[in-house]
Amino acid sequence: MGAFRDEFVLPEGVVYLVGNSLGAPPRRAAERVRQAVEDEWGTHLVGGWNESGWYAQPLTVGDRLAPLIGAGPGQVVVGNTTSIAVYQAVSAAVGLRPDRRVIVLDRSNFPTDNYMVAGLPGYEVRDFGEGRFDDAAVVLLSEVDYRTGARYDVPEITARVQAAGALMVWDVCHSVGAMQVDVSAADFAVGCTYKYLNGGPGAPAFLYVNPRHQAEARNVLPGWYSHAEPFAFDTGFTPAGGIRRFTVSTPHVLSFAALEAALDVWERVPMDQIRAKSMALTSLFVDLVGDRLELASPRDPQRRGSQVSFYHPDGYPVMRALIDRGVHGDFRAPDILRFGFAPLYTRYVDVFDAATILDEVLEKELWRDEKYAQRLAVT
């Protein structure tokens, strides 16, 4: 796995443990974006939609990404944002269960997931912890908890939910690219590409729709792109067939270019080795930090994603002090220090360095410096 590190741009002297928030840029990303701007846009102008394949990107890139989540061709579409994909997936799922008026979710899901569900009127929202699915239309869960890194058992829960007659929607934002992911048994799945997949800030999200639902499920956000004949310019809407009916609108070509550079790397990655290294990195960090901080993540590496989180009542200034000393993690309110380990480029020496500097910050209480008290807009 170490050879892949050279394919990413990482500043000298930085231990970057924020792969679960924004992945490092692939070395080829800048050239690929330049190519899209100068060679494609600059040469073909509007003809780039045909000549450079821009028009088909939501589908062609979806097919390239599909193997990373256990899906096949014609099952994944790329575009828009995770929030939009969540709204599409849950709306389509409840539409397939019109006799049920309950949506089950984990209240510790990333907030946008739950906000989107709250935007669907007329449904009772129930917490997953209650364990009741017999009257649920859909269950929405994140495979890996964004705060603690706790990991759900996807096959077991999917089977249990579907046996109760409900549909299963998985959010794999914090797992895809950090471990082997398989949503093929699920009904829908969503995820982003800017975290472990290294697609770049604002990179497009993806939506998986199980083939058994593609003909019947309704896209609640039908745009021109999802029309059966987009360039017929009909005044009435006729949905496209297959996965394209779940597209919405014009692909963001320059963002797709950076993502394509990342997928050039991912198509060569042995995914079985990703998980093994992830567990080794996170376990080493847990052992090195020891009892200096209270562990928020599961101790069993099989039960967590590729991140380690700790509790600290002054977590924000502690993280600011770490970042100033070259160790980049992030903070999640109210008291969680998060460290995300990207197996493609994180080294074991990075883990040792991070633990050593964390110990110094805590031992010397360097975080008490007044400059760390003021919170930045992004934490």
Foldseek 3Di string as FASTA:
>chain_A
DAVLQVQFDDDPLFLAQQLLPFNTFGPCLVVLLVCCVCVQCVPCPVPSVPPVVQLCLQQVVQQLQQQLAAHHHLFKGWADAQLLQLLQVVQLQCVVVVVAQEEEEAPLADVSNVVSVVPDPRHHYHYCVVVDQLRHSEYEYEQARSFAQFGDDQVVVQVVNVVSVHAYEYEDARARLQARHYCQSGQKYKYFCRRNLNLGPPAIIMMGGHVVCQVPGARPQAALQQACDSVVPDPDGDGHGTPSSNDHDRHPRSSSSSSVSSSVSVVPDPRNVSLVQLLVLVLVLCVLLDVVFAWSYDNPSVRGTSKTKTFDQPQQLLQVQLVVSNYHFHDDPPGITMGGDRSSNRDSVSSVVSSVVSCVCSVVVVSPPPVRVDDDPGD
